[in-house]
Amino acid sequence: MKEQPGAAAVITSARTSRSDDIRRRQQRYLVSMGVRTVCFVLAVVSSGPLRWGFFTAAVVLPYVAVVVANTSTRRETLSSAPYFTDDARALEGPPDTRT
């Protein structure tokens, strides 16, 4: 998006701070690892096909957790076009009373 001279910045297009981004990534990773731990414990205590499902989930989840944790949150860049009016719709100034 090319900014026009004198155009106001749209705050919704601002990126989140690095510390907030890192905190969100860490939270997503920790939640995924918590689910993996639960799957591993359930694989140990269960039997039959369910055991293998939990075991498979416990093996695959670290990869998924890393991929999900490394996706940064991107805000959609909004066009600032609605904030600019064209000349046809511009308000006219006060009438000239100097004549």
Protein backbone atom coordinates (compact mmCIF):
# COMPACT_ATOMS: atom_id res chain seq x y z
CA MET A 1 0.00 0.00 0.00
CA LYS A 2 1.56 3.27 -1.11
CA GLU A 3 0.95 6.11 1.29
CA GLN A 4 -0.19 9.44 0.03
CA PRO A 5 1.69 12.54 1.18
CA GLY A 6 0.15 13.87 4.37
CA ALA A 7 -1.94 10.72 4.81
CA ALA A 8 -2.69 9.60 8.33
CA ALA A 9 -1.43 6.18 9.38
CA VAL A 10 -4.09 3.54 9.91
CA ILE A 11 -3.50 2.11 13.37
CA THR A 12 -4.98 -1.29 12.51
CA SER A 13 -2.10 -1.92 10.13
CA ALA A 14 0.50 -1.56 12.90
CA ARG A 15 2.37 -4.72 13.85
CA THR A 16 2.21 -6.16 17.35
CA SER A 17 5.25 -5.65 19.54
CA ARG A 18 7.99 -8.26 19.43
CA SER A 19 7.52 -9.20 23.09
CA ASP A 20 3.76 -9.77 22.57
CA ASP A 21 4.48 -11.88 19.49
CA ILE A 22 7.03 -14.01 21.37
CA ARG A 23 4.65 -14.45 24.33
CA ARG A 24 1.85 -15.65 22.02
CA ARG A 25 4.20 -18.09 20.29
CA GLN A 26 5.39 -19.48 23.61
CA GLN A 27 1.82 -19.91 24.83
CA ARG A 28 0.82 -21.78 21.66
CA TYR A 29 3.88 -24.03 21.95
CA LEU A 30 3.27 -24.76 25.63
CA VAL A 31 -0.39 -25.63 25.00
CA SER A 32 0.65 -28.00 22.19
CA MET A 33 3.27 -29.64 24.41
CA GLY A 34 0.69 -30.01 27.18
CA VAL A 35 -1.62 -31.83 24.76
CA ARG A 36 1.33 -34.01 23.70
CA THR A 37 2.06 -34.91 27.33
CA VAL A 38 -1.58 -35.89 27.87
CA CYS A 39 -1.48 -38.03 24.70
CA PHE A 40 1.70 -39.75 25.89
CA VAL A 41 0.22 -40.52 29.32
CA LEU A 42 -2.98 -41.82 27.69
CA ALA A 43 -0.90 -43.99 25.35
CA VAL A 44 0.80 -45.57 28.37
CA VAL A 45 -2.41 -46.27 30.33
CA SER A 46 -4.70 -47.30 27.46
CA SER A 47 -4.68 -50.44 25.37
CA GLY A 48 -5.62 -51.57 21.88
CA PRO A 49 -5.95 -49.29 18.85
CA LEU A 50 -6.55 -46.27 21.06
CA ARG A 51 -3.03 -46.66 22.45
CA TRP A 52 -1.55 -46.39 18.96
CA GLY A 53 -3.65 -43.34 18.17
CA PHE A 54 -2.41 -41.56 21.27
CA PHE A 55 1.15 -42.67 20.55
CA THR A 56 0.95 -41.36 16.99
CA ALA A 57 -0.43 -38.04 18.23
CA ALA A 58 2.38 -37.80 20.81
CA VAL A 59 4.97 -38.34 18.05
CA VAL A 60 3.42 -35.93 15.51
CA LEU A 61 2.49 -33.09 17.88
CA PRO A 62 6.05 -31.71 18.38
CA TYR A 63 6.32 -31.00 14.65
CA VAL A 64 2.86 -29.44 14.56
CA ALA A 65 3.63 -27.41 17.71
CA VAL A 66 6.78 -25.92 16.18
CA VAL A 67 5.03 -25.05 12.91
CA VAL A 68 2.07 -23.48 14.71
CA ALA A 69 4.28 -21.61 17.18
CA ASN A 70 6.42 -20.15 14.39
CA THR A 71 3.51 -18.69 12.46
CA SER A 72 3.44 -15.03 13.28
CA THR A 73 0.20 -13.17 13.59
CA ARG A 74 -0.24 -10.92 10.61
CA ARG A 75 -2.77 -8.19 10.54
CA GLU A 76 -4.63 -7.57 7.37
CA THR A 77 -3.52 -4.29 5.87
CA LEU A 78 -6.55 -2.16 5.34
CA SER A 79 -6.71 0.34 2.55
CA SER A 80 -6.96 3.88 3.78
CA ALA A 81 -9.00 4.83 0.70
CA PRO A 82 -12.28 5.24 2.66
CA TYR A 83 -10.65 8.03 4.63
CA PHE A 84 -9.93 10.15 1.58
CA THR A 85 -12.60 11.91 -0.37
CA ASP A 86 -12.46 12.72 -4.03
CA ASP A 87 -12.62 16.32 -5.23
CA ALA A 88 -16.20 15.95 -6.47
CA ARG A 89 -17.44 15.36 -2.92
CA ALA A 90 -15.26 17.99 -1.22
CA LEU A 91 -17.00 20.69 0.78
CA GLU A 92 -16.90 24.17 -0.61
CA GLY A 93 -15.46 27.04 1.40
CA PRO A 94 -17.51 29.98 2.70
CA PRO A 95 -18.93 32.30 0.06
CA ASP A 96 -16.67 35.13 -1.05
CA THR A 97 -18.10 38.38 0.37
CA ARG A 98 -15.30 40.72 -0.77
CA THR A 99 -17.08 41.93 -3.94
